[in-house]
Amino acid sequence: MVSQSGYCEFKAVATHIVSECSWNGGNGGGILTIMNTNQFQPAPYPENIVWVNDTTIAVWGDLFYRRE
């Protein structure tokens, strides 16, 4: 989940990150970087995002759909 205020939430098996995020966009996508502050030392967690269409993105090849 990415909010308009610049905070992101990422959930996966054994991983839950809620922190600030930044966007480095390019042609057709970009890199979404979430700063993981849950570790002993904060670490960036980059995600490769590709825009598929208005309601769909691919994150490292896995498709995700917009929910409202």
C-alpha atoms as a PDB file:
ATOM      1  CA  MET A   1       0.000   0.000   0.000  1.00  0.00           C
ATOM      2  CA  VAL A   2       1.302   3.425  -0.913  1.00  0.00           C
ATOM      3  CA  SER A   3      -0.341   6.503   0.608  1.00  0.00           C
ATOM      4  CA  GLN A   4      -0.393  10.038  -0.748  1.00  0.00           C
ATOM      5  CA  SER A   5       1.418  11.210   2.393  1.00  0.00           C
ATOM      6  CA  GLY A   6       4.614   9.330   1.450  1.00  0.00           C
ATOM      7  CA  TYR A   7       4.176   6.310   3.706  1.00  0.00           C
ATOM      8  CA  CYS A   8       4.153   2.730   2.459  1.00  0.00           C
ATOM      9  CA  GLU A   9       3.136  -0.588   3.907  1.00  0.00           C
ATOM     10  CA  PHE A  10       4.560  -3.869   2.634  1.00  0.00           C
ATOM     11  CA  LYS A  11       3.394  -7.284   3.864  1.00  0.00           C
ATOM     12  CA  ALA A  12       4.825 -10.647   2.847  1.00  0.00           C
ATOM     13  CA  VAL A  13       5.557 -13.956   4.537  1.00  0.00           C
ATOM     14  CA  ALA A  14       7.454 -13.114   7.764  1.00  0.00           C
ATOM     15  CA  THR A  15       7.871  -9.465   6.661  1.00  0.00           C
ATOM     16  CA  HIS A  16       5.839  -6.393   7.588  1.00  0.00           C
ATOM     17  CA  ILE A  17       7.265  -2.940   6.857  1.00  0.00           C
ATOM     18  CA  VAL A  18       5.483   0.368   7.513  1.00  0.00           C
ATOM     19  CA  SER A  19       7.684   3.369   6.824  1.00  0.00           C
ATOM     20  CA  GLU A  20       8.473   6.314   4.573  1.00  0.00           C
ATOM     21  CA  CYS A  21       8.943   5.591   0.904  1.00  0.00           C
ATOM     22  CA  SER A  22      10.296   7.374  -2.142  1.00  0.00           C
ATOM     23  CA  TRP A  23       9.728   7.038  -5.880  1.00  0.00           C
ATOM     24  CA  ASN A  24      12.387   7.210  -8.599  1.00  0.00           C
ATOM     25  CA  GLY A  25      10.322   7.061 -11.778  1.00  0.00           C
ATOM     26  CA  GLY A  26      11.346   6.316 -15.305  1.00  0.00           C
ATOM     27  CA  ASN A  27       9.694   5.492 -18.594  1.00  0.00           C
ATOM     28  CA  GLY A  28       6.871   3.028 -17.816  1.00  0.00           C
ATOM     29  CA  GLY A  29       7.713   2.441 -14.174  1.00  0.00           C
ATOM     30  CA  GLY A  30      10.471   2.992 -11.653  1.00  0.00           C
ATOM     31  CA  ILE A  31      11.881   2.026  -8.289  1.00  0.00           C
ATOM     32  CA  LEU A  32       9.798   2.379  -5.123  1.00  0.00           C
ATOM     33  CA  THR A  33      12.128   2.399  -2.112  1.00  0.00           C
ATOM     34  CA  ILE A  34      10.713   1.712   1.345  1.00  0.00           C
ATOM     35  CA  MET A  35      12.993   2.557   4.275  1.00  0.00           C
ATOM     36  CA  ASN A  36      12.831  -0.501   6.542  1.00  0.00           C
ATOM     37  CA  THR A  37      13.166   0.841  10.090  1.00  0.00           C
ATOM     38  CA  ASN A  38      12.149  -2.453  11.734  1.00  0.00           C
ATOM     39  CA  GLN A  39      15.713  -3.751  11.639  1.00  0.00           C
ATOM     40  CA  PHE A  40      18.596  -2.910  13.984  1.00  0.00           C
ATOM     41  CA  GLN A  41      19.910  -0.500  11.340  1.00  0.00           C
ATOM     42  CA  PRO A  42      17.478   1.151   8.887  1.00  0.00           C
ATOM     43  CA  ALA A  43      17.854  -0.321   5.411  1.00  0.00           C
ATOM     44  CA  PRO A  44      16.348   0.616   2.041  1.00  0.00           C
ATOM     45  CA  TYR A  45      14.032  -1.980   0.492  1.00  0.00           C
ATOM     46  CA  PRO A  46      13.813  -1.279  -3.278  1.00  0.00           C
ATOM     47  CA  GLU A  47      10.960  -2.619  -5.405  1.00  0.00           C
ATOM     48  CA  ASN A  48      10.970  -2.678  -9.228  1.00  0.00           C
ATOM     49  CA  ILE A  49       7.590  -1.326 -10.414  1.00  0.00           C
ATOM     50  CA  VAL A  50       6.298  -1.499 -14.019  1.00  0.00           C
ATOM     51  CA  TRP A  51       3.033   0.220 -15.014  1.00  0.00           C
ATOM     52  CA  VAL A  52       0.816  -2.243 -16.933  1.00  0.00           C
ATOM     53  CA  ASN A  53      -2.295  -0.045 -17.235  1.00  0.00           C
ATOM     54  CA  ASP A  54      -4.416   2.373 -15.142  1.00  0.00           C
ATOM     55  CA  THR A  55      -5.359  -0.287 -12.592  1.00  0.00           C
ATOM     56  CA  THR A  56      -2.442  -2.739 -12.700  1.00  0.00           C
ATOM     57  CA  ILE A  57       1.267  -2.730 -11.835  1.00  0.00           C
ATOM     58  CA  ALA A  58       3.897  -5.455 -11.914  1.00  0.00           C
ATOM     59  CA  VAL A  59       6.274  -5.743  -8.949  1.00  0.00           C
ATOM     60  CA  TRP A  60       9.259  -7.928  -9.884  1.00  0.00           C
ATOM     61  CA  GLY A  61       6.931  -9.589 -12.429  1.00  0.00           C
ATOM     62  CA  ASP A  62       3.992 -10.277 -10.056  1.00  0.00           C
ATOM     63  CA  LEU A  63       0.772  -8.444 -10.967  1.00  0.00           C
ATOM     64  CA  PHE A  64      -1.082  -6.243  -8.458  1.00  0.00           C
ATOM     65  CA  TYR A  65      -4.430  -4.531  -8.982  1.00  0.00           C
ATOM     66  CA  ARG A  66      -5.788  -1.238  -7.628  1.00  0.00           C
ATOM     67  CA  ARG A  67      -8.281  -1.526  -4.788  1.00  0.00           C
ATOM     68  CA  GLU A  68     -10.424   1.411  -3.768  1.00  0.00           C
END
